[in-house]
Protein backbone atom coordinates (compact mmCIF):
# COMPACT_ATOMS: atom_id res chain seq x y z
CA MET A 1 -256.38 211.66 114.03
CA GLU A 2 -255.80 212.35 110.33
CA SER A 3 -252.96 214.25 111.82
CA HIS A 4 -251.25 212.09 113.93
CA VAL A 5 -251.63 208.78 110.61
CA ALA A 6 -250.11 210.92 108.51
CA SER A 7 -246.78 212.06 111.21
CA LEU A 8 -247.01 208.05 111.52
CA LEU A 9 -246.87 206.86 108.39
CA ARG A 10 -243.49 209.85 107.25
CA THR A 11 -242.06 207.89 110.53
CA TYR A 12 -242.11 204.20 109.41
CA GLY A 13 -241.50 205.51 105.75
CA VAL A 14 -244.71 203.32 104.25
CA ALA A 15 -247.65 204.67 101.80
CA ASP A 16 -250.70 203.77 103.32
CA ARG A 17 -252.50 203.20 106.64
CA ARG A 18 -252.26 199.36 105.87
CA ALA A 19 -249.00 199.65 105.45
CA LEU A 20 -248.84 200.73 108.79
CA ALA A 21 -250.75 198.38 110.57
CA ALA A 22 -248.24 195.74 109.32
CA ARG A 23 -245.44 197.13 109.91
CA ALA A 24 -246.79 197.41 114.04
CA ALA A 25 -246.71 193.36 113.15
CA LEU A 26 -244.35 191.93 112.67
CA ARG A 27 -243.36 192.88 116.36
CA ALA A 28 -243.32 189.65 117.97
CA VAL A 29 -244.71 189.39 121.45
CA ARG A 30 -243.43 187.12 123.99
CA PRO A 31 -245.59 185.16 126.60
CA GLY A 32 -246.46 187.04 129.39
CA GLU A 33 -245.19 189.64 127.88
CA ILE A 34 -247.13 193.10 126.79
CA SER A 35 -247.77 194.22 123.27
CA ARG A 36 -246.80 197.64 122.35
CA LEU A 37 -245.72 198.64 125.45
CA PRO A 38 -242.11 200.31 125.73
CA VAL A 39 -239.31 198.16 127.92
CA GLY A 40 -238.07 199.80 130.22
CA ARG A 41 -234.21 201.94 130.06
CA THR A 42 -232.36 201.59 133.23
CA SER A 43 -232.14 198.98 136.26
CA PHE A 44 -233.75 201.79 138.34
CA VAL A 45 -237.80 201.33 135.91
CA GLY A 46 -239.06 198.11 136.04
CA ARG A 47 -239.84 195.16 138.11
CA SER A 48 -238.28 192.04 136.31
CA GLY A 49 -237.45 190.15 140.35
CA GLU A 50 -240.73 190.63 141.56
CA ARG A 51 -242.62 189.80 138.62
CA GLY A 52 -241.60 186.36 138.59
CA THR A 53 -242.35 186.36 142.07
CA VAL A 54 -245.46 187.75 141.39
CA LEU A 55 -245.92 185.28 138.54
CA ALA A 56 -244.76 181.88 140.85
CA ALA A 57 -247.16 182.97 144.01
CA PRO A 58 -250.41 181.74 142.76
CA ALA A 59 -248.46 178.32 142.22
CA GLU A 60 -247.86 178.40 145.79
CA SER A 61 -250.44 179.93 147.54
CA ARG A 62 -254.42 180.02 147.29
CA LEU A 63 -254.50 183.41 147.30
CA VAL A 64 -252.66 186.25 146.73
CA THR A 65 -252.90 189.11 147.49
CA LEU A 66 -250.59 192.21 146.34
CA LEU A 67 -249.80 195.59 148.08
CA GLY A 68 -248.44 198.88 146.97
CA ASP A 69 -248.95 202.55 146.71
CA GLY A 70 -251.77 204.23 144.79
CA GLY A 71 -250.11 205.62 141.33
CA MET A 72 -246.96 202.36 141.29
CA GLY A 73 -248.20 199.83 138.99
CA TRP A 74 -247.19 198.15 135.74
């Protein structure tokens, strides 16, 4: 763990763990966004259209069932 923290301190150019935590807290999280996850880099990866449909579904129906292959979560 200490080597990982030391690596993060060097990477982000901060002096201690508190400064590292403060730097991490600066990242703004938009409503509905899962914090600290990387953003998809291509249109091949991602489900923005499907995400909108899924988020709207509970307002339109009493029962919503999502199906998909195991391990295909987002």
